Amino acid sequence: QVQLVESGGGLVQAGGSLRLSCTASGGTFSTYAMGWFRQAPGKERDFVAVISRMGTRTFYSDSVKGRFTISRDNAKNTVYLQMNGLKPEDTAVYYCAADRTGGSNSYYDPRPYDYWGQGTQVTVSS
């Protein structure tokens, strides 16, 4: 069974930066497309970013494009989300997710993802 563990969340002022990490165990990490989603209180889980198996392709939501960068290190079974220029509206619980099919055109939809981490809280103060 694949397990995903996120880390790196915290409290930061607007304009600041954080780097989230998600480390996988129990599977073949390099065969999974990896995504980041976020969920604010009372809202649906929203797509943030996705990276292909070898890291050659990335996609971002319009709300984070130009500010966030997703990357991965398959040797470390880890995917990262570098978040710069943080805004109060970025406040949410951030989840990493693995798509064992290697990715699809529905990368923005949570449903194709097979494995999820427990989430890490990101709070941006104004």
N, C-alpha and C. Protein backbone atom coordinates (compact mmCIF):
# COMPACT_ATOMS: atom_id res chain seq x y z
N GLN A 1 0.83 -1.19 0.00
CA GLN A 1 0.00 0.00 0.00
C GLN A 1 0.88 1.25 0.00
N VAL A 2 0.52 2.21 -0.82
CA VAL A 2 1.29 3.44 -0.91
C VAL A 2 0.88 4.38 0.21
N GLN A 3 1.87 4.97 0.85
CA GLN A 3 1.62 5.99 1.86
C GLN A 3 2.30 7.28 1.45
N LEU A 4 1.59 8.39 1.63
CA LEU A 4 2.10 9.71 1.31
C LEU A 4 2.10 10.56 2.57
N VAL A 5 3.22 11.20 2.84
CA VAL A 5 3.32 12.02 4.04
C VAL A 5 3.80 13.41 3.64
N GLU A 6 2.94 14.41 3.91
CA GLU A 6 3.30 15.79 3.61
C GLU A 6 3.98 16.45 4.80
N SER A 7 4.76 17.46 4.52
CA SER A 7 5.39 18.26 5.56
C SER A 7 5.70 19.64 4.99
N GLY A 8 6.02 20.58 5.88
CA GLY A 8 6.45 21.89 5.44
C GLY A 8 5.43 22.99 5.58
N GLY A 9 4.22 22.65 6.00
CA GLY A 9 3.22 23.68 6.19
C GLY A 9 3.53 24.55 7.39
N GLY A 10 2.76 25.62 7.53
CA GLY A 10 2.96 26.51 8.66
C GLY A 10 2.27 27.84 8.46
N LEU A 11 2.64 28.78 9.32
CA LEU A 11 2.08 30.13 9.30
C LEU A 11 3.12 31.07 8.68
N VAL A 12 2.68 31.87 7.72
CA VAL A 12 3.58 32.79 7.04
C VAL A 12 2.83 34.07 6.73
N GLN A 13 3.55 35.16 6.67
CA GLN A 13 2.93 36.43 6.31
C GLN A 13 2.73 36.52 4.80
N ALA A 14 1.79 37.32 4.41
CA ALA A 14 1.55 37.54 2.99
C ALA A 14 2.83 38.02 2.32
N GLY A 15 3.08 37.46 1.13
CA GLY A 15 4.31 37.75 0.41
C GLY A 15 5.44 36.79 0.70
N GLY A 16 5.28 35.98 1.72
CA GLY A 16 6.31 35.03 2.12
C GLY A 16 6.30 33.77 1.28
N SER A 17 7.16 32.83 1.68
CA SER A 17 7.33 31.59 0.94
C SER A 17 7.30 30.39 1.88
N LEU A 18 6.89 29.27 1.33
CA LEU A 18 6.97 27.98 1.99
C LEU A 18 7.29 26.93 0.94
N ARG A 19 7.93 25.84 1.37
CA ARG A 19 8.12 24.70 0.50
C ARG A 19 7.52 23.47 1.16
N LEU A 20 6.54 22.89 0.49
CA LEU A 20 5.93 21.66 0.96
C LEU A 20 6.66 20.47 0.35
N SER A 21 6.71 19.41 1.13
CA SER A 21 7.28 18.15 0.65
C SER A 21 6.27 17.04 0.86
N CYS A 22 6.33 16.05 0.01
CA CYS A 22 5.48 14.87 0.13
C CYS A 22 6.34 13.66 -0.23
N THR A 23 6.53 12.79 0.74
CA THR A 23 7.36 11.61 0.54
C THR A 23 6.50 10.36 0.50
N ALA A 24 6.77 9.53 -0.50
CA ALA A 24 5.99 8.32 -0.71
C ALA A 24 6.76 7.09 -0.25
N SER A 25 6.00 6.10 0.19
CA SER A 25 6.58 4.81 0.54
C SER A 25 5.61 3.71 0.15
N GLY A 26 6.13 2.54 -0.11
CA GLY A 26 5.29 1.39 -0.37
C GLY A 26 4.90 1.18 -1.82
N GLY A 27 5.39 1.98 -2.73
CA GLY A 27 5.03 1.83 -4.13
C GLY A 27 6.19 2.19 -5.02
N THR A 28 5.90 2.29 -6.32
CA THR A 28 6.92 2.67 -7.29
C THR A 28 6.68 4.13 -7.67
N PHE A 29 7.32 5.02 -6.94
CA PHE A 29 7.03 6.44 -7.04
C PHE A 29 7.20 6.97 -8.46
N SER A 30 8.20 6.51 -9.16
CA SER A 30 8.51 7.07 -10.48
C SER A 30 7.47 6.73 -11.54
N THR A 31 6.53 5.86 -11.21
CA THR A 31 5.47 5.52 -12.17
C THR A 31 4.19 6.32 -11.94
N TYR A 32 4.18 7.15 -10.92
CA TYR A 32 2.98 7.91 -10.58
C TYR A 32 3.09 9.36 -11.04
N ALA A 33 2.02 9.88 -11.61
CA ALA A 33 1.89 11.32 -11.69
C ALA A 33 1.54 11.81 -10.29
N MET A 34 2.08 12.95 -9.91
CA MET A 34 1.86 13.48 -8.57
C MET A 34 1.20 14.85 -8.61
N GLY A 35 0.20 15.01 -7.80
CA GLY A 35 -0.51 16.27 -7.79
C GLY A 35 -0.56 16.87 -6.39
N TRP A 36 -0.81 18.17 -6.38
CA TRP A 36 -1.09 18.90 -5.13
C TRP A 36 -2.50 19.49 -5.25
N PHE A 37 -3.27 19.34 -4.20
CA PHE A 37 -4.59 19.92 -4.09
C PHE A 37 -4.65 20.69 -2.78
N ARG A 38 -5.66 21.53 -2.65
CA ARG A 38 -5.85 22.24 -1.40
C ARG A 38 -7.33 22.38 -1.10
N GLN A 39 -7.62 22.48 0.18
CA GLN A 39 -9.00 22.59 0.61
C GLN A 39 -9.09 23.59 1.76
N ALA A 40 -9.85 24.65 1.52
CA ALA A 40 -10.11 25.64 2.55
C ALA A 40 -11.39 25.26 3.28
N PRO A 41 -11.58 25.74 4.50
CA PRO A 41 -12.78 25.38 5.27
C PRO A 41 -14.06 25.70 4.51
N GLY A 42 -14.94 24.73 4.44
CA GLY A 42 -16.23 24.91 3.80
C GLY A 42 -16.20 24.90 2.28
N LYS A 43 -15.04 24.59 1.71
CA LYS A 43 -14.91 24.60 0.25
C LYS A 43 -14.49 23.22 -0.26
N GLU A 44 -14.62 23.05 -1.55
CA GLU A 44 -14.22 21.80 -2.18
C GLU A 44 -12.70 21.72 -2.28
N ARG A 45 -12.23 20.51 -2.52
CA ARG A 45 -10.81 20.30 -2.72
C ARG A 45 -10.45 20.74 -4.14
N ASP A 46 -9.53 21.67 -4.24
CA ASP A 46 -9.20 22.28 -5.52
C ASP A 46 -7.81 21.87 -6.00
N PHE A 47 -7.69 21.74 -7.29
CA PHE A 47 -6.43 21.43 -7.93
C PHE A 47 -5.46 22.60 -7.79
N VAL A 48 -4.18 22.27 -7.53
CA VAL A 48 -3.13 23.28 -7.46
C VAL A 48 -2.10 23.06 -8.57
N ALA A 49 -1.53 21.85 -8.61
CA ALA A 49 -0.47 21.58 -9.59
C ALA A 49 -0.32 20.08 -9.76
N VAL A 50 0.26 19.70 -10.89
CA VAL A 50 0.54 18.28 -11.15
C VAL A 50 1.85 18.19 -11.91
N ILE A 51 2.54 17.07 -11.71
CA ILE A 51 3.80 16.83 -12.40
C ILE A 51 3.80 15.40 -12.94
N SER A 52 4.32 15.24 -14.14
CA SER A 52 4.34 13.93 -14.77
C SER A 52 5.37 13.02 -14.10
N ARG A 53 5.37 11.77 -14.51
CA ARG A 53 6.20 10.76 -13.86
C ARG A 53 7.68 11.12 -13.82
N MET A 54 8.19 11.62 -14.93
CA MET A 54 9.62 11.95 -14.99
C MET A 54 9.88 13.43 -14.78
N GLY A 55 8.81 14.18 -14.48
CA GLY A 55 8.97 15.60 -14.19
C GLY A 55 9.11 16.48 -15.41
N THR A 56 8.79 15.95 -16.57
CA THR A 56 8.98 16.72 -17.80
C THR A 56 7.80 17.64 -18.12
N ARG A 57 6.65 17.35 -17.51
CA ARG A 57 5.48 18.18 -17.75
C ARG A 57 4.85 18.58 -16.43
N THR A 58 4.44 19.85 -16.37
CA THR A 58 3.76 20.37 -15.20
C THR A 58 2.57 21.22 -15.64
N PHE A 59 1.57 21.24 -14.80
CA PHE A 59 0.40 22.07 -15.03
C PHE A 59 0.01 22.72 -13.70
N TYR A 60 -0.54 23.93 -13.81
CA TYR A 60 -0.90 24.68 -12.62
C TYR A 60 -2.30 25.26 -12.76
N SER A 61 -2.94 25.49 -11.63
CA SER A 61 -4.17 26.24 -11.65
C SER A 61 -3.83 27.70 -11.95
N ASP A 62 -4.80 28.40 -12.50
CA ASP A 62 -4.56 29.81 -12.84
C ASP A 62 -4.25 30.63 -11.60
N SER A 63 -4.81 30.24 -10.46
CA SER A 63 -4.65 31.02 -9.25
C SER A 63 -3.23 30.97 -8.68
N VAL A 64 -2.45 29.96 -9.06
CA VAL A 64 -1.09 29.86 -8.52
C VAL A 64 -0.02 29.96 -9.58
N LYS A 65 -0.40 29.98 -10.82
CA LYS A 65 0.57 30.02 -11.92
C LYS A 65 1.48 31.25 -11.78
N GLY A 66 2.77 31.01 -11.90
CA GLY A 66 3.74 32.08 -11.75
C GLY A 66 4.22 32.29 -10.33
N ARG A 67 3.55 31.71 -9.36
CA ARG A 67 3.94 31.85 -7.95
C ARG A 67 4.40 30.52 -7.35
N PHE A 68 3.78 29.43 -7.76
CA PHE A 68 4.10 28.11 -7.22
C PHE A 68 4.86 27.30 -8.26
N THR A 69 5.73 26.42 -7.77
CA THR A 69 6.47 25.52 -8.64
C THR A 69 6.44 24.11 -8.07
N ILE A 70 6.01 23.17 -8.88
CA ILE A 70 6.02 21.77 -8.47
C ILE A 70 7.26 21.10 -9.07
N SER A 71 7.87 20.22 -8.30
CA SER A 71 9.03 19.48 -8.77
C SER A 71 9.06 18.13 -8.06
N ARG A 72 9.92 17.25 -8.53
CA ARG A 72 10.01 15.94 -7.90
C ARG A 72 11.44 15.43 -7.98
N ASP A 73 11.75 14.55 -7.02
CA ASP A 73 13.03 13.85 -7.00
C ASP A 73 12.70 12.38 -6.85
N ASN A 74 12.75 11.66 -7.96
CA ASN A 74 12.36 10.26 -7.92
C ASN A 74 13.33 9.41 -7.11
N ALA A 75 14.56 9.84 -6.99
CA ALA A 75 15.53 9.10 -6.17
C ALA A 75 15.18 9.18 -4.69
N LYS A 76 14.46 10.23 -4.32
CA LYS A 76 14.06 10.42 -2.92
C LYS A 76 12.58 10.14 -2.69
N ASN A 77 11.88 9.70 -3.75
CA ASN A 77 10.44 9.43 -3.64
C ASN A 77 9.68 10.64 -3.10
N THR A 78 10.05 11.81 -3.53
CA THR A 78 9.50 13.02 -2.96
C THR A 78 9.07 14.01 -4.06
N VAL A 79 7.94 14.63 -3.82
CA VAL A 79 7.45 15.71 -4.66
C VAL A 79 7.39 16.97 -3.80
N TYR A 80 7.69 18.11 -4.42
CA TYR A 80 7.76 19.37 -3.71
C TYR A 80 6.77 20.38 -4.30
N LEU A 81 6.40 21.33 -3.48
CA LEU A 81 5.64 22.47 -3.95
C LEU A 81 6.26 23.72 -3.34
N GLN A 82 6.98 24.46 -4.16
CA GLN A 82 7.57 25.72 -3.73
C GLN A 82 6.53 26.81 -3.93
N MET A 83 6.19 27.49 -2.84
CA MET A 83 5.14 28.50 -2.88
C MET A 83 5.75 29.86 -2.54
N ASN A 84 5.73 30.75 -3.50
CA ASN A 84 6.24 32.10 -3.32
C ASN A 84 5.11 33.11 -3.47
N GLY A 85 5.33 34.29 -2.96
CA GLY A 85 4.31 35.33 -3.09
C GLY A 85 2.97 34.91 -2.50
N LEU A 86 3.01 34.29 -1.34
CA LEU A 86 1.79 33.75 -0.75
C LEU A 86 0.79 34.84 -0.41
N LYS A 87 -0.47 34.51 -0.58
CA LYS A 87 -1.58 35.42 -0.33
C LYS A 87 -2.50 34.81 0.72
N PRO A 88 -3.27 35.62 1.43
CA PRO A 88 -4.21 35.06 2.41
C PRO A 88 -5.16 34.04 1.79
N GLU A 89 -5.53 34.22 0.55
CA GLU A 89 -6.43 33.27 -0.10
C GLU A 89 -5.78 31.92 -0.41
N ASP A 90 -4.49 31.80 -0.19
CA ASP A 90 -3.82 30.51 -0.33
C ASP A 90 -3.97 29.66 0.93
N THR A 91 -4.53 30.23 1.98
CA THR A 91 -4.72 29.49 3.22
C THR A 91 -5.63 28.29 3.00
N ALA A 92 -5.13 27.12 3.37
CA ALA A 92 -5.86 25.87 3.15
C ALA A 92 -5.05 24.71 3.71
N VAL A 93 -5.67 23.56 3.75
CA VAL A 93 -4.94 22.32 3.96
C VAL A 93 -4.48 21.83 2.59
N TYR A 94 -3.22 21.54 2.47
CA TYR A 94 -2.64 21.10 1.21
C TYR A 94 -2.40 19.60 1.24
N TYR A 95 -2.85 18.93 0.18
CA TYR A 95 -2.73 17.48 0.07
C TYR A 95 -1.92 17.12 -1.16
N CYS A 96 -1.06 16.13 -1.02
CA CYS A 96 -0.46 15.54 -2.21
C CYS A 96 -1.22 14.27 -2.55
N ALA A 97 -1.16 13.91 -3.82
CA ALA A 97 -1.91 12.76 -4.31
C ALA A 97 -1.14 12.08 -5.43
N ALA A 98 -1.33 10.79 -5.55
CA ALA A 98 -0.64 9.99 -6.56
C ALA A 98 -1.63 9.35 -7.50
N ASP A 99 -1.36 9.48 -8.79
CA ASP A 99 -2.16 8.82 -9.82
C ASP A 99 -1.33 7.67 -10.36
N ARG A 100 -1.71 6.46 -10.04
CA ARG A 100 -0.89 5.30 -10.41
C ARG A 100 -0.97 4.96 -11.88
N THR A 101 -1.91 5.60 -12.61
CA THR A 101 -1.94 5.37 -14.05
C THR A 101 -0.86 6.18 -14.76
N GLY A 102 -0.24 7.10 -14.03
CA GLY A 102 0.79 7.93 -14.64
C GLY A 102 0.30 9.26 -15.12
N GLY A 103 -1.01 9.52 -14.95
CA GLY A 103 -1.53 10.82 -15.35
C GLY A 103 -2.64 10.69 -16.37
N SER A 104 -3.47 11.71 -16.45
CA SER A 104 -4.57 11.72 -17.40
C SER A 104 -4.89 13.16 -17.76
N ASN A 105 -5.82 13.29 -18.72
CA ASN A 105 -6.26 14.64 -19.09
C ASN A 105 -7.12 15.27 -18.00
N SER A 106 -7.55 14.46 -17.06
CA SER A 106 -8.37 14.96 -15.96
C SER A 106 -7.53 15.21 -14.71
N TYR A 107 -6.33 15.68 -14.89
CA TYR A 107 -5.39 15.85 -13.79
C TYR A 107 -5.90 16.84 -12.74
N TYR A 108 -6.82 17.71 -13.12
CA TYR A 108 -7.35 18.74 -12.23
C TYR A 108 -8.47 18.20 -11.34
N ASP A 109 -8.94 17.00 -11.64
CA ASP A 109 -10.04 16.37 -10.92
C ASP A 109 -9.46 15.45 -9.84
N PRO A 110 -9.91 15.56 -8.58
CA PRO A 110 -9.36 14.68 -7.55
C PRO A 110 -9.67 13.20 -7.77
N ARG A 111 -10.72 12.89 -8.48
CA ARG A 111 -11.19 11.50 -8.56
C ARG A 111 -10.21 10.51 -9.18
N PRO A 112 -9.42 10.87 -10.18
CA PRO A 112 -8.49 9.87 -10.73
C PRO A 112 -7.33 9.49 -9.81
N TYR A 113 -7.10 10.26 -8.77
CA TYR A 113 -5.96 10.01 -7.91
C TYR A 113 -6.27 8.87 -6.94
N ASP A 114 -5.30 7.98 -6.79
CA ASP A 114 -5.53 6.76 -6.03
C ASP A 114 -5.11 6.87 -4.57
N TYR A 115 -4.09 7.65 -4.31
CA TYR A 115 -3.53 7.73 -2.96
C TYR A 115 -3.42 9.19 -2.54
N TRP A 116 -3.67 9.41 -1.25
CA TRP A 116 -3.65 10.77 -0.71
C TRP A 116 -2.88 10.81 0.60
N GLY A 117 -2.23 11.95 0.82
CA GLY A 117 -1.61 12.18 2.11
C GLY A 117 -2.64 12.69 3.10
N GLN A 118 -2.17 12.94 4.30
CA GLN A 118 -3.06 13.38 5.37
C GLN A 118 -3.27 14.89 5.37
N GLY A 119 -2.45 15.60 4.62
CA GLY A 119 -2.60 17.04 4.51
C GLY A 119 -1.69 17.79 5.45
N THR A 120 -1.34 19.01 5.04
CA THR A 120 -0.55 19.90 5.88
C THR A 120 -1.15 21.31 5.79
N GLN A 121 -1.29 21.95 6.92
CA GLN A 121 -1.96 23.25 6.98
C GLN A 121 -1.01 24.36 6.56
N VAL A 122 -1.51 25.21 5.68
CA VAL A 122 -0.80 26.43 5.30
C VAL A 122 -1.70 27.61 5.65
N THR A 123 -1.19 28.53 6.45
CA THR A 123 -1.94 29.70 6.85
C THR A 123 -1.14 30.94 6.49
N VAL A 124 -1.77 31.83 5.73
CA VAL A 124 -1.12 33.06 5.29
C VAL A 124 -1.83 34.23 5.94
N SER A 125 -1.12 34.99 6.73
CA SER A 125 -1.71 36.13 7.42
C SER A 125 -1.51 37.39 6.60
N SER A 126 -2.47 38.29 6.73
CA SER A 126 -2.42 39.54 5.95
C SER A 126 -1.69 40.63 6.71
